[in-house]
N, C-alpha and C. Protein backbone atom coordinates (compact mmCIF):
# COMPACT_ATOMS: atom_id res chain seq x y z
N ALA A 1 8.01 -42.72 -36.67
CA ALA A 1 9.60 -43.04 -36.60
C ALA A 1 9.79 -44.76 -36.82
N LEU A 2 10.83 -45.00 -36.98
CA LEU A 2 11.24 -46.03 -36.81
C LEU A 2 12.68 -46.26 -35.68
N HIS A 3 12.14 -47.39 -35.09
CA HIS A 3 13.47 -47.56 -33.91
C HIS A 3 14.59 -48.36 -34.41
N GLY A 4 15.47 -47.87 -34.45
CA GLY A 4 16.63 -48.09 -35.15
C GLY A 4 17.05 -49.67 -34.30
N PRO A 5 17.39 -50.20 -33.55
CA PRO A 5 17.92 -51.35 -32.95
C PRO A 5 17.02 -52.68 -33.08
N SER A 6 15.22 -52.37 -33.76
CA SER A 6 14.31 -52.83 -33.44
C SER A 6 13.30 -53.14 -34.58
N LYS A 7 14.24 -52.49 -35.50
CA LYS A 7 13.15 -51.75 -37.12
C LYS A 7 11.43 -52.15 -36.51
N LYS A 8 10.85 -51.69 -35.59
CA LYS A 8 9.45 -51.51 -34.73
C LYS A 8 8.98 -49.95 -35.50
N LEU A 9 7.86 -49.53 -35.66
CA LEU A 9 6.97 -48.93 -36.01
C LEU A 9 6.96 -48.26 -34.36
N VAL A 10 7.46 -46.39 -34.10
CA VAL A 10 7.44 -46.27 -33.23
C VAL A 10 6.49 -44.67 -33.22
N ALA A 11 6.07 -44.34 -32.14
CA ALA A 11 5.33 -43.32 -31.93
C ALA A 11 5.97 -42.84 -31.24
N LEU A 12 6.23 -41.05 -31.37
CA LEU A 12 7.50 -40.35 -30.88
C LEU A 12 6.45 -39.00 -30.05
N LYS A 13 6.03 -38.84 -29.29
CA LYS A 13 5.38 -37.59 -28.37
C LYS A 13 7.00 -36.78 -28.12
N GLU A 14 6.72 -35.24 -28.38
CA GLU A 14 7.35 -34.14 -28.54
C GLU A 14 6.73 -33.41 -27.93
N ILE A 15 7.62 -32.58 -26.95
CA ILE A 15 7.08 -31.52 -25.99
C ILE A 15 8.57 -30.58 -25.98
N SER A 16 8.09 -29.60 -26.49
CA SER A 16 8.86 -28.32 -26.37
C SER A 16 9.31 -27.78 -24.80
N VAL A 17 10.72 -27.94 -24.44
CA VAL A 17 10.96 -27.24 -23.44
C VAL A 17 11.67 -26.05 -22.66
N ASN A 18 11.31 -25.83 -23.42
CA ASN A 18 11.54 -24.40 -23.26
C ASN A 18 10.69 -23.49 -22.07
N ASP A 19 9.46 -23.99 -21.64
CA ASP A 19 8.84 -23.60 -21.24
C ASP A 19 8.69 -24.76 -19.64
N LYS A 20 8.58 -24.06 -18.65
CA LYS A 20 9.65 -24.62 -17.09
C LYS A 20 8.32 -25.75 -16.65
N ASN A 21 7.53 -25.87 -16.78
CA ASN A 21 5.75 -26.40 -16.80
C ASN A 21 6.14 -27.82 -17.85
N ASN A 22 6.33 -27.78 -18.90
CA ASN A 22 6.72 -28.65 -20.25
C ASN A 22 7.30 -29.38 -19.58
N ARG A 23 8.58 -28.55 -19.41
CA ARG A 23 10.05 -29.62 -19.16
C ARG A 23 9.54 -30.26 -17.50
N GLU A 24 9.12 -30.31 -16.18
CA GLU A 24 8.88 -30.86 -15.28
C GLU A 24 8.07 -31.86 -15.53
N GLN A 25 6.76 -31.75 -17.02
CA GLN A 25 5.91 -32.92 -16.58
C GLN A 25 6.66 -33.83 -18.11
N MET A 26 7.18 -33.56 -18.35
CA MET A 26 8.01 -34.73 -19.74
C MET A 26 8.97 -35.27 -18.56
N LEU A 27 9.79 -34.32 -17.40
CA LEU A 27 10.54 -35.21 -16.76
C LEU A 27 10.06 -36.03 -16.03
N ASN A 28 9.17 -35.91 -15.55
CA ASN A 28 8.44 -36.98 -14.57
C ASN A 28 8.05 -38.22 -15.45
N GLU A 29 7.33 -37.99 -16.81
CA GLU A 29 7.20 -38.63 -17.39
C GLU A 29 8.16 -39.35 -17.81
N VAL A 30 8.85 -39.13 -18.20
CA VAL A 30 10.49 -39.74 -18.47
C VAL A 30 10.81 -40.99 -17.36
N ARG A 31 11.31 -40.08 -16.00
CA ARG A 31 10.66 -40.98 -14.55
C ARG A 31 10.03 -42.13 -14.51
N THR A 32 8.88 -41.69 -15.13
CA THR A 32 7.45 -43.00 -14.79
C THR A 32 8.36 -43.88 -15.37
N LEU A 33 8.24 -43.91 -16.48
CA LEU A 33 8.45 -44.91 -17.62
C LEU A 33 9.80 -45.37 -17.94
N CYS A 34 10.46 -44.76 -17.10
CA CYS A 34 11.81 -45.91 -16.60
C CYS A 34 11.85 -46.40 -15.62
N GLY A 35 11.05 -46.17 -14.84
CA GLY A 35 10.55 -47.19 -13.88
C GLY A 35 9.67 -48.39 -13.99
N LEU A 36 8.91 -48.15 -14.80
CA LEU A 36 7.58 -49.48 -15.15
C LEU A 36 8.49 -50.15 -15.66
N PRO A 37 7.89 -51.63 -15.26
CA PRO A 37 8.00 -53.13 -15.52
C PRO A 37 7.76 -53.12 -16.89
N GLN A 38 8.17 -54.15 -18.05
CA GLN A 38 7.67 -54.05 -19.11
C GLN A 38 6.55 -55.32 -18.57
N LEU A 39 5.39 -54.99 -19.06
CA LEU A 39 4.54 -55.88 -18.67
C LEU A 39 3.68 -55.98 -19.78
N GLU A 40 2.71 -56.65 -20.12
CA GLU A 40 1.77 -57.37 -21.37
C GLU A 40 0.57 -55.72 -20.98
N GLY A 41 -0.04 -55.59 -22.12
CA GLY A 41 -0.90 -54.33 -21.82
C GLY A 41 -0.63 -52.95 -21.50
N LEU A 42 1.07 -52.95 -21.61
CA LEU A 42 1.10 -51.22 -21.33
C LEU A 42 1.82 -51.00 -22.41
N VAL A 43 1.91 -50.11 -22.84
CA VAL A 43 2.62 -49.33 -24.21
C VAL A 43 4.10 -49.60 -23.94
N GLN A 44 4.85 -50.13 -24.94
CA GLN A 44 6.29 -50.33 -24.56
C GLN A 44 7.04 -48.62 -24.65
N PHE A 45 8.31 -48.57 -23.72
CA PHE A 45 8.44 -47.15 -23.80
C PHE A 45 9.91 -47.34 -24.47
N PHE A 46 10.47 -47.30 -25.45
CA PHE A 46 11.88 -47.80 -26.39
C PHE A 46 13.14 -46.85 -25.56
N GLY A 47 12.25 -44.97 -25.05
CA GLY A 47 13.27 -44.53 -24.68
C GLY A 47 13.40 -42.75 -25.49
N ALA A 48 14.05 -42.19 -24.57
CA ALA A 48 13.43 -40.27 -24.52
C ALA A 48 15.08 -39.80 -25.13
N PHE A 49 14.97 -38.75 -26.33
CA PHE A 49 16.17 -38.03 -26.60
C PHE A 49 15.48 -36.65 -26.09
N TYR A 50 17.01 -35.92 -26.35
CA TYR A 50 16.61 -34.40 -26.20
C TYR A 50 17.25 -33.30 -27.59
N SER A 51 16.70 -32.47 -28.46
CA SER A 51 17.50 -32.00 -29.69
C SER A 51 17.22 -30.69 -29.33
N ALA A 52 18.41 -30.08 -29.01
CA ALA A 52 18.90 -29.48 -28.62
C ALA A 52 18.75 -28.26 -30.08
N ASP A 53 18.39 -28.37 -31.15
CA ASP A 53 18.11 -27.50 -32.10
C ASP A 53 16.66 -27.14 -32.55
N ASP A 54 15.59 -27.97 -31.66
CA ASP A 54 14.66 -27.16 -31.96
C ASP A 54 13.81 -27.23 -29.58
N GLY A 55 14.59 -27.52 -29.17
CA GLY A 55 14.30 -26.89 -28.01
C GLY A 55 13.02 -28.16 -27.55
N LYS A 56 13.18 -29.37 -28.25
CA LYS A 56 11.88 -30.95 -27.80
C LYS A 56 12.81 -31.68 -26.77
N ILE A 57 12.18 -32.45 -26.25
CA ILE A 57 12.23 -33.86 -25.73
C ILE A 57 10.86 -34.80 -26.89
N SER A 58 12.10 -35.97 -26.73
CA SER A 58 10.69 -36.75 -27.61
C SER A 58 11.30 -37.91 -27.03
N ILE A 59 10.02 -38.46 -26.46
CA ILE A 59 9.57 -40.05 -25.87
C ILE A 59 9.19 -41.15 -27.01
N ALA A 60 10.15 -41.90 -27.63
CA ALA A 60 9.46 -43.14 -28.37
C ALA A 60 8.84 -43.90 -27.73
N LEU A 61 7.83 -44.68 -27.65
CA LEU A 61 6.47 -45.37 -27.11
C LEU A 61 6.17 -46.44 -28.53
N GLU A 62 5.91 -47.25 -27.84
CA GLU A 62 5.28 -48.30 -29.08
C GLU A 62 4.00 -47.71 -29.72
N TYR A 63 4.00 -48.09 -31.29
CA TYR A 63 2.61 -47.24 -31.91
C TYR A 63 1.42 -47.69 -31.69
N MET A 64 0.23 -47.28 -31.49
CA MET A 64 -0.50 -47.91 -31.03
C MET A 64 -1.32 -47.48 -32.58
N ASN A 65 -2.08 -48.78 -32.87
CA ASN A 65 -3.17 -47.60 -33.90
C ASN A 65 -4.61 -47.67 -34.06
N ALA A 66 -5.12 -48.11 -32.68
CA ALA A 66 -6.57 -48.34 -32.37
C ALA A 66 -6.83 -47.26 -31.70
N GLY A 67 -6.10 -45.57 -32.48
CA GLY A 67 -7.02 -44.37 -32.23
C GLY A 67 -6.42 -44.04 -30.97
N SER A 68 -7.05 -42.96 -30.25
CA SER A 68 -6.57 -42.25 -29.00
C SER A 68 -7.21 -42.88 -28.30
N LEU A 69 -6.70 -42.28 -26.95
CA LEU A 69 -7.60 -42.93 -25.89
C LEU A 69 -8.88 -42.43 -25.45
N GLU A 70 -9.43 -41.33 -26.08
CA GLU A 70 -10.79 -40.83 -26.37
C GLU A 70 -11.74 -41.32 -27.16
N ASP A 71 -11.04 -41.88 -28.46
CA ASP A 71 -12.10 -42.60 -29.44
C ASP A 71 -12.05 -44.10 -28.10
N LEU A 72 -11.35 -44.73 -27.78
CA LEU A 72 -11.65 -45.83 -26.93
C LEU A 72 -12.37 -45.34 -26.11
N CYS A 73 -12.35 -44.50 -25.36
CA CYS A 73 -13.72 -44.23 -24.30
C CYS A 73 -15.32 -43.73 -25.09
N ARG A 74 -14.85 -43.39 -26.13
CA ARG A 74 -16.32 -43.19 -26.75
C ARG A 74 -16.57 -43.98 -27.23
N LEU A 75 -16.39 -45.45 -27.69
CA LEU A 75 -16.68 -46.45 -28.00
C LEU A 75 -16.95 -47.30 -26.96
N ALA A 76 -16.28 -47.24 -26.01
CA ALA A 76 -16.69 -48.12 -25.11
C ALA A 76 -18.14 -47.43 -24.08
N GLY A 77 -18.73 -46.51 -24.91
CA GLY A 77 -19.47 -45.48 -24.13
C GLY A 77 -19.29 -44.89 -22.76
N GLY A 78 -17.97 -44.19 -22.82
CA GLY A 78 -17.79 -42.84 -22.11
C GLY A 78 -17.06 -43.63 -20.84
N CYS A 79 -16.21 -45.10 -20.87
CA CYS A 79 -15.43 -44.90 -19.75
C CYS A 79 -14.51 -45.96 -20.12
N ILE A 80 -13.30 -46.60 -19.92
CA ILE A 80 -12.93 -47.50 -20.08
C ILE A 80 -13.31 -48.61 -19.05
N PRO A 81 -13.18 -50.30 -19.89
CA PRO A 81 -13.61 -51.31 -19.17
C PRO A 81 -12.50 -52.02 -17.82
């Protein structure tokens, strides 16, 4: 997806919030991301929004093209340095 104000490519993390556990998990994640300072080395948080049409919350994060955390751990020999 494209972040309108910055025109940067972003990753959208979407979770259905119809399930209470999913909803609580997503709200905690959004609260945490909102409270973090913008630091080098942390994925940038652009915002979050709710879509009533499909019952999902989406979090817009900086797009990282290095693969998943699992991929990085495997390349590092099973742990993150």
